[in-house]
Amino acid sequence: MRKRMRAVLANRGREAAPLPDTDSWPLGSPFRIGGVEIANRVIQAPLAGIANWAYRTQSRRHGAGATVSEMLASQGLIHDSRKTRDMLVVKPDEHPVGVQLFGADPEAMARAAREVEQAGADFVDINMGCPVKKICRTGAGAALLADPGGGARVVEAMTAAVDIPVTVKMRRGTTPATAQPTIAARRFVDAGAAAICFHPRAAAEEYDGLADHTITREVVDAVEVPVIASGDINDPATALEVMRSTGCQAVAVGRGALGNPWLFTALATGEIGDPPGPAEVISELERFAADACEALGEARACPYLRKFYPWYLAPLPVSKAELQAMLTAPTVDDALGAVRDLVASAA
């Protein structure tokens, strides 16, 4: 996360690339995942340890057509883990929303999918992209791409268990040399997947280099369900180019929106406005922090929010000492007070 965010933040604040003339903004039109209508073609991507209901609510408020939760362990749900159940919260005003599960056992994933459906999610997503070793060692995450047949059995079991759509978030493969993304995507669609969210890097590449969306185009051509493109889509011009060059039905945005929820508005509307001023940044951060405290409790929200302060403040001239003082503040109120002081001194 840190390595990739450094690259994202380095480009934040630069002048946006101009948009080509277009009669209508393609990302602003609706589309469907199974029986679920999505108001526009901008999806908030699942982010582990980030996308709780507070973050999803913020993404929706700024224009995301649909949101997806952080990944939940299927075993945690079926064994009634309190921590995992606390993550399975769907608010009445955040639809359409998907909940992402990880696991490799078809029966456990099917049981967990029923829990997701009962919680009120509009669709359930399968994580086949996480490259983290402790996830892959269990056969889950990107490891399922090394065994498309096993991944297809997971999809099949889940689609048989629930009435809501089942989607797959996948990478190109485990390594570039062994990747067969079109074969894997077809297997998953044949097993019942209603959409594919595709990231064209292999798991072994993590987030190195630029996402090669010519591979995304191959997946789009290989399947007859919506393909949502993921990877390095951090501005409207790039989103439009990816849609036009790949034929994908939508784009997913993850790290680019961290500390910059206004990106969802720009992508959904095609309108590039002035960057938010300090007062707007503080107001947004305070609103998000209040929701995070409600979602997590203040004790857990305090370290959670420490991730976000540098992301929000990246465009401002904040010294390392000032930032460190803010990051070690003992409470959320103390941290927000430090943010206000930093922004005021930079104005």
Protein backbone atom coordinates (compact mmCIF):
# COMPACT_ATOMS: atom_id res chain seq x y z
CA MET A 1 0.00 0.00 0.00
CA ARG A 2 2.68 2.52 1.02
CA LYS A 3 4.80 1.97 -2.09
CA ARG A 4 1.87 2.37 -4.46
CA MET A 5 0.43 5.35 -2.61
CA ARG A 6 3.72 7.22 -2.92
CA ALA A 7 3.35 7.07 -6.69
CA VAL A 8 -0.31 8.11 -6.53
CA LEU A 9 0.43 11.04 -4.23
CA ALA A 10 3.35 12.18 -6.36
CA ASN A 11 0.94 12.81 -9.23
CA ARG A 12 -1.82 14.32 -7.12
CA GLY A 13 -2.24 18.03 -7.59
CA ARG A 14 -0.75 18.09 -11.07
CA GLU A 15 -2.79 19.71 -13.79
CA ALA A 16 -5.38 17.27 -15.13
CA ALA A 17 -5.06 16.05 -18.69
CA PRO A 18 -7.58 17.74 -21.00
CA LEU A 19 -10.60 15.70 -22.04
CA PRO A 20 -11.41 15.14 -25.71
CA ASP A 21 -14.63 16.55 -27.11
CA THR A 22 -17.53 14.18 -26.53
CA ASP A 23 -21.27 14.64 -26.95
CA SER A 24 -22.00 12.76 -23.74
CA TRP A 25 -19.87 11.41 -20.91
CA PRO A 26 -19.73 7.60 -21.29
CA LEU A 27 -18.99 6.93 -17.63
CA GLY A 28 -22.15 8.76 -16.57
CA SER A 29 -24.61 6.29 -18.08
CA PRO A 30 -26.12 3.35 -16.16
CA PHE A 31 -25.35 -0.34 -16.64
CA ARG A 32 -26.36 -3.60 -14.99
CA ILE A 33 -24.66 -6.39 -13.09
CA GLY A 34 -27.15 -9.20 -13.32
CA GLY A 35 -30.41 -7.72 -12.08
CA VAL A 36 -28.72 -4.81 -10.27
CA GLU A 37 -28.77 -1.42 -11.98
CA ILE A 38 -25.73 0.79 -11.38
CA ALA A 39 -26.37 4.51 -11.90
CA ASN A 40 -22.99 5.18 -13.53
CA ARG A 41 -19.88 3.32 -14.59
CA VAL A 42 -17.60 4.25 -11.71
CA ILE A 43 -17.14 1.59 -9.04
CA GLN A 44 -15.36 2.06 -5.74
CA ALA A 45 -12.95 -0.85 -5.62
CA PRO A 46 -12.62 -3.11 -2.57
CA LEU A 47 -9.65 -2.16 -0.40
CA ALA A 48 -8.53 -4.40 2.46
CA GLY A 49 -8.58 -2.63 5.80
CA ILE A 50 -10.12 0.47 4.24
CA ALA A 51 -13.56 -0.03 2.67
CA ASN A 52 -15.82 -0.20 5.71
CA TRP A 53 -19.27 1.37 5.54
CA ALA A 54 -17.88 4.80 6.49
CA TYR A 55 -15.53 4.80 3.51
CA ARG A 56 -18.19 3.38 1.19
CA THR A 57 -20.69 6.03 2.27
CA GLN A 58 -18.16 8.72 1.46
CA SER A 59 -17.51 7.19 -1.97
CA ARG A 60 -21.23 7.11 -2.75
CA ARG A 61 -21.69 10.67 -1.55
CA HIS A 62 -19.05 11.82 -4.04
CA GLY A 63 -20.50 9.97 -7.00
CA ALA A 64 -19.45 6.30 -7.10
CA GLY A 65 -22.19 4.30 -8.82
CA ALA A 66 -21.56 1.29 -6.59
CA THR A 67 -19.20 0.39 -3.78
CA VAL A 68 -17.55 -2.82 -2.59
CA SER A 69 -16.50 -3.73 0.94
CA GLU A 70 -13.10 -4.65 2.25
CA MET A 71 -12.49 -8.37 1.92
CA LEU A 72 -14.08 -10.61 4.55
CA ALA A 73 -12.89 -14.10 5.42
CA SER A 74 -15.51 -16.71 4.57
CA GLN A 75 -14.27 -18.86 7.45
CA GLY A 76 -14.65 -15.91 9.80
CA LEU A 77 -18.32 -15.56 8.89
CA ILE A 78 -19.27 -19.20 9.15
CA HIS A 79 -17.42 -19.56 12.47
CA ASP A 80 -19.10 -16.39 13.77
CA SER A 81 -15.97 -14.31 14.29
CA ARG A 82 -16.99 -11.06 15.98
CA LYS A 83 -14.37 -9.09 14.06
CA THR A 84 -15.57 -10.42 10.70
CA ARG A 85 -19.23 -9.89 11.57
CA ASP A 86 -18.49 -6.30 12.54
CA MET A 87 -17.22 -5.82 8.98
CA LEU A 88 -20.47 -7.16 7.53
CA VAL A 89 -22.57 -4.04 7.98
CA VAL A 90 -24.68 -2.71 5.11
CA LYS A 91 -26.32 0.66 5.71
CA PRO A 92 -29.78 1.39 4.25
CA ASP A 93 -28.53 4.39 2.26
CA GLU A 94 -25.48 2.82 0.59
CA HIS A 95 -27.05 0.75 -2.19
CA PRO A 96 -26.00 -0.67 -4.54
CA VAL A 97 -23.20 -2.26 -2.57
CA GLY A 98 -21.23 -5.46 -2.88
CA VAL A 99 -19.46 -7.43 -0.17
CA GLN A 100 -16.20 -9.15 -1.06
CA LEU A 101 -15.31 -12.58 0.33
CA PHE A 102 -12.09 -14.54 0.23
CA GLY A 103 -11.63 -18.26 0.63
CA ALA A 104 -10.96 -21.39 -1.39
CA ASP A 105 -13.50 -23.88 -0.04
CA PRO A 106 -16.67 -23.88 -2.20
CA GLU A 107 -18.98 -24.94 0.62
CA ALA A 108 -17.62 -22.34 3.05
CA MET A 109 -17.82 -19.61 0.40
CA ALA A 110 -21.41 -20.59 -0.40
CA ARG A 111 -22.41 -20.43 3.27
CA ALA A 112 -20.68 -17.07 3.64
CA ALA A 113 -22.42 -15.78 0.49
CA ARG A 114 -25.79 -16.56 2.09
CA GLU A 115 -24.72 -14.48 5.11
CA VAL A 116 -23.81 -11.62 2.76
CA GLU A 117 -27.19 -11.83 1.04
CA GLN A 118 -29.02 -11.83 4.36
CA ALA A 119 -27.05 -8.75 5.44
CA GLY A 120 -28.60 -6.84 2.53
CA ALA A 121 -25.79 -6.66 -0.03
CA ASP A 122 -26.80 -6.25 -3.66
CA PHE A 123 -24.04 -8.55 -4.95
CA VAL A 124 -21.25 -10.69 -3.56
CA ASP A 125 -17.71 -10.45 -4.93
CA ILE A 126 -14.99 -13.11 -4.86
CA ASN A 127 -11.43 -12.00 -4.24
CA MET A 128 -9.14 -13.66 -6.77
CA GLY A 129 -6.62 -10.85 -6.84
CA CYS A 130 -5.02 -10.45 -3.41
CA PRO A 131 -1.26 -11.18 -3.76
CA VAL A 132 -0.55 -11.24 0.01
CA LYS A 133 1.27 -14.46 0.90
CA LYS A 134 -0.75 -15.29 4.02
CA ILE A 135 -3.92 -15.20 1.89
CA CYS A 136 -2.46 -17.09 -1.06
CA ARG A 137 -1.01 -19.81 1.21
CA THR A 138 -4.56 -20.82 2.07
CA GLY A 139 -5.38 -21.24 -1.64
CA ALA A 140 -7.45 -18.05 -1.66
CA GLY A 141 -6.96 -14.67 -3.33
CA ALA A 142 -4.78 -14.73 -6.43
CA ALA A 143 -3.84 -18.36 -5.73
CA LEU A 144 -7.21 -19.38 -7.18
CA LEU A 145 -5.96 -18.18 -10.58
CA ALA A 146 -3.41 -21.00 -10.59
CA ASP A 147 -6.36 -23.41 -10.48
CA PRO A 148 -9.18 -21.95 -12.60
CA GLY A 149 -11.16 -25.14 -12.14
CA GLY A 150 -11.08 -24.69 -8.37
CA GLY A 151 -12.03 -21.04 -8.78
CA ALA A 152 -14.92 -22.03 -11.02
CA ARG A 153 -16.17 -24.49 -8.39
CA VAL A 154 -16.22 -21.64 -5.87
CA VAL A 155 -18.22 -19.47 -8.28
CA GLU A 156 -20.62 -22.29 -9.06
CA ALA A 157 -21.27 -23.07 -5.39
CA MET A 158 -21.91 -19.44 -4.57
CA THR A 159 -24.24 -18.76 -7.49
CA ALA A 160 -26.26 -21.83 -6.50
CA ALA A 161 -26.50 -20.59 -2.92
CA VAL A 162 -27.76 -17.02 -3.44
CA ASP A 163 -30.16 -15.03 -5.59
CA ILE A 164 -27.96 -11.92 -5.79
CA PRO A 165 -25.28 -11.67 -8.51
CA VAL A 166 -21.86 -13.19 -7.89
CA THR A 167 -18.90 -11.26 -9.32
CA VAL A 168 -15.17 -11.98 -9.51
CA LYS A 169 -12.32 -9.53 -8.85
CA MET A 170 -9.29 -11.07 -10.54
CA ARG A 171 -5.79 -10.32 -11.69
CA ARG A 172 -4.07 -11.43 -14.86
CA GLY A 173 -2.70 -14.51 -13.11
CA THR A 174 -0.15 -15.51 -10.50
CA THR A 175 2.89 -14.76 -12.70
CA PRO A 176 3.18 -13.17 -16.16
CA ALA A 177 4.65 -16.38 -17.60
CA THR A 178 1.84 -18.64 -16.42
CA ALA A 179 -1.10 -16.24 -16.71
CA GLN A 180 -4.08 -17.29 -18.83
CA PRO A 181 -6.60 -14.59 -17.98
CA THR A 182 -9.04 -15.18 -20.82
CA ILE A 183 -9.28 -18.90 -20.05
CA ALA A 184 -9.79 -18.21 -16.34
CA ALA A 185 -12.38 -15.48 -16.95
CA ARG A 186 -14.37 -17.74 -19.31
CA ARG A 187 -14.34 -20.53 -16.71
CA PHE A 188 -15.69 -18.18 -14.06
CA VAL A 189 -18.40 -16.78 -16.34
CA ASP A 190 -19.43 -20.28 -17.43
CA ALA A 191 -19.74 -21.12 -13.71
CA GLY A 192 -22.14 -18.22 -13.19
CA ALA A 193 -20.15 -15.01 -12.60
CA ALA A 194 -22.29 -12.01 -13.50
CA ALA A 195 -19.34 -9.64 -13.96
CA ILE A 196 -15.55 -9.64 -13.95
CA CYS A 197 -13.50 -6.86 -12.35
CA PHE A 198 -10.09 -7.23 -13.98
CA HIS A 199 -6.66 -5.94 -12.97
CA PRO A 200 -4.05 -6.66 -15.67
CA ARG A 201 -1.02 -7.11 -13.41
CA ALA A 202 -0.06 -10.60 -12.23
CA ALA A 203 0.07 -11.25 -8.50
CA ALA A 204 3.86 -11.55 -8.60
CA GLU A 205 4.06 -8.04 -10.06
CA GLU A 206 2.00 -6.59 -7.20
CA TYR A 207 1.76 -2.92 -8.30
CA ASP A 208 5.00 -2.47 -10.26
CA GLY A 209 4.95 -0.63 -13.56
CA LEU A 210 1.84 0.58 -15.34
CA ALA A 211 -1.28 -1.52 -15.79
CA ASP A 212 -1.37 -2.94 -19.32
CA HIS A 213 -4.98 -2.60 -20.36
CA THR A 214 -4.38 -4.31 -23.71
CA ILE A 215 -4.78 -7.45 -21.58
CA THR A 216 -8.05 -6.06 -20.24
CA ARG A 217 -9.23 -5.80 -23.85
CA GLU A 218 -8.55 -9.52 -24.34
CA VAL A 219 -10.71 -10.36 -21.34
CA VAL A 220 -13.51 -8.07 -22.55
CA ASP A 221 -13.46 -9.87 -25.90
CA ALA A 222 -13.47 -13.29 -24.22
CA VAL A 223 -16.62 -12.96 -22.09
CA GLU A 224 -20.20 -11.79 -22.52
CA VAL A 225 -20.72 -10.25 -19.08
CA PRO A 226 -19.68 -6.76 -17.97
CA VAL A 227 -15.95 -6.31 -17.44
CA ILE A 228 -14.88 -3.60 -15.00
CA ALA A 229 -11.34 -2.35 -15.63
CA SER A 230 -9.07 -1.80 -12.63
CA GLY A 231 -5.55 -0.42 -12.39
CA ASP A 232 -4.00 3.07 -12.58
CA ILE A 233 -7.27 4.84 -13.36
CA ASN A 234 -6.73 8.07 -11.46
CA ASP A 235 -8.22 10.79 -13.67
CA PRO A 236 -11.12 11.22 -16.13
CA ALA A 237 -8.93 11.25 -19.25
CA THR A 238 -7.37 7.90 -18.34
CA ALA A 239 -10.77 6.42 -17.47
CA LEU A 240 -12.19 7.48 -20.82
CA GLU A 241 -9.19 6.12 -22.71
CA VAL A 242 -9.39 2.77 -20.89
CA MET A 243 -13.10 2.47 -21.66
CA ARG A 244 -12.62 3.32 -25.31
CA SER A 245 -9.56 1.16 -25.85
CA THR A 246 -10.82 -1.93 -24.02
CA GLY A 247 -14.58 -1.84 -24.52
CA CYS A 248 -15.05 -2.40 -20.78
CA GLN A 249 -18.40 -1.48 -19.27
CA ALA A 250 -17.06 0.35 -16.20
CA VAL A 251 -13.95 1.26 -14.24
CA ALA A 252 -12.97 0.54 -10.64
CA VAL A 253 -11.06 3.07 -8.56
CA GLY A 254 -9.09 2.16 -5.47
CA ARG A 255 -5.98 3.98 -4.24
CA GLY A 256 -6.50 7.02 -6.44
CA ALA A 257 -9.48 8.07 -4.33
CA LEU A 258 -7.79 7.68 -0.94
CA GLY A 259 -7.78 11.17 0.54
CA ASN A 260 -9.32 12.36 -2.73
CA PRO A 261 -13.00 11.30 -2.83
CA TRP A 262 -13.62 14.17 -5.26
CA LEU A 263 -12.11 11.89 -7.90
CA PHE A 264 -15.38 9.92 -7.98
CA THR A 265 -17.25 13.10 -8.92
CA ALA A 266 -14.82 13.88 -11.73
CA LEU A 267 -14.97 10.35 -13.13
CA ALA A 268 -18.76 10.10 -12.94
CA THR A 269 -19.39 13.49 -14.55
CA GLY A 270 -16.35 14.16 -16.73
CA GLU A 271 -16.08 17.59 -15.13
CA ILE A 272 -12.66 18.64 -13.90
CA GLY A 273 -13.15 21.39 -11.34
CA ASP A 274 -10.71 23.25 -9.16
CA PRO A 275 -9.15 21.13 -6.42
CA PRO A 276 -10.85 21.47 -3.02
CA GLY A 277 -9.57 24.23 -0.79
CA PRO A 278 -8.36 23.72 2.79
CA ALA A 279 -11.78 24.45 4.33
CA GLU A 280 -13.46 21.86 2.12
CA VAL A 281 -10.76 19.30 2.88
CA ILE A 282 -11.21 19.81 6.63
CA SER A 283 -15.00 19.60 6.37
CA GLU A 284 -14.81 16.35 4.39
CA LEU A 285 -12.25 14.83 6.72
CA GLU A 286 -14.32 15.71 9.79
CA ARG A 287 -17.45 14.16 8.29
CA PHE A 288 -15.55 11.02 7.32
CA ALA A 289 -13.94 10.80 10.76
CA ALA A 290 -17.35 11.02 12.45
CA ASP A 291 -18.62 8.11 10.36
CA ALA A 292 -15.43 6.13 11.02
CA CYS A 293 -15.88 6.60 14.77
CA GLU A 294 -19.45 5.33 14.49
CA ALA A 295 -18.40 2.38 12.35
CA LEU A 296 -15.36 1.30 14.36
CA GLY A 297 -15.62 2.97 17.74
CA GLU A 298 -13.19 5.74 18.56
CA ALA A 299 -10.47 3.44 19.90
CA ARG A 300 -10.19 1.64 16.56
CA ALA A 301 -11.01 4.68 14.43
CA CYS A 302 -8.00 6.60 15.79
CA PRO A 303 -5.31 4.34 14.20
CA TYR A 304 -7.53 3.73 11.15
CA LEU A 305 -7.76 7.46 10.41
CA ARG A 306 -4.00 7.94 10.79
CA LYS A 307 -3.67 6.32 7.37
CA PHE A 308 -5.81 9.04 5.84
CA TYR A 309 -4.31 12.25 7.22
CA PRO A 310 -1.19 12.18 4.97
CA TRP A 311 -3.35 11.32 1.96
CA TYR A 312 -5.65 14.29 2.49
CA LEU A 313 -2.80 16.67 3.29
CA ALA A 314 -0.47 15.59 0.47
CA PRO A 315 -0.99 18.77 -1.61
CA LEU A 316 -0.13 21.02 1.37
CA PRO A 317 3.38 22.01 2.58
CA VAL A 318 3.36 20.01 5.82
CA SER A 319 6.68 19.25 7.49
CA LYS A 320 7.60 15.77 8.67
CA ALA A 321 7.69 16.96 12.27
CA GLU A 322 4.20 18.46 12.00
CA LEU A 323 2.87 15.33 10.36
CA GLN A 324 4.47 13.09 12.98
CA ALA A 325 2.91 15.10 15.79
CA MET A 326 -0.49 14.73 14.18
CA LEU A 327 -0.06 10.99 13.59
CA THR A 328 0.79 10.38 17.23
CA ALA A 329 -2.18 12.35 18.58
CA PRO A 330 -3.89 10.14 21.19
CA THR A 331 -7.49 10.80 20.09
CA VAL A 332 -9.37 11.57 16.91
CA ASP A 333 -10.33 15.01 18.24
CA ASP A 334 -6.69 15.80 18.98
CA ALA A 335 -5.65 14.67 15.50
CA LEU A 336 -8.36 16.72 13.80
CA GLY A 337 -7.34 19.74 15.87
CA ALA A 338 -3.78 19.27 14.63
CA VAL A 339 -5.06 19.00 11.05
CA ARG A 340 -6.93 22.29 11.44
CA ASP A 341 -3.82 23.98 12.82
CA LEU A 342 -1.64 22.63 10.01
CA VAL A 343 -4.04 23.76 7.32
CA ALA A 344 -4.46 27.17 8.94
CA SER A 345 -0.68 27.69 9.08
CA ALA A 346 -0.35 26.65 5.42
CA ALA A 347 -3.09 29.01 4.23
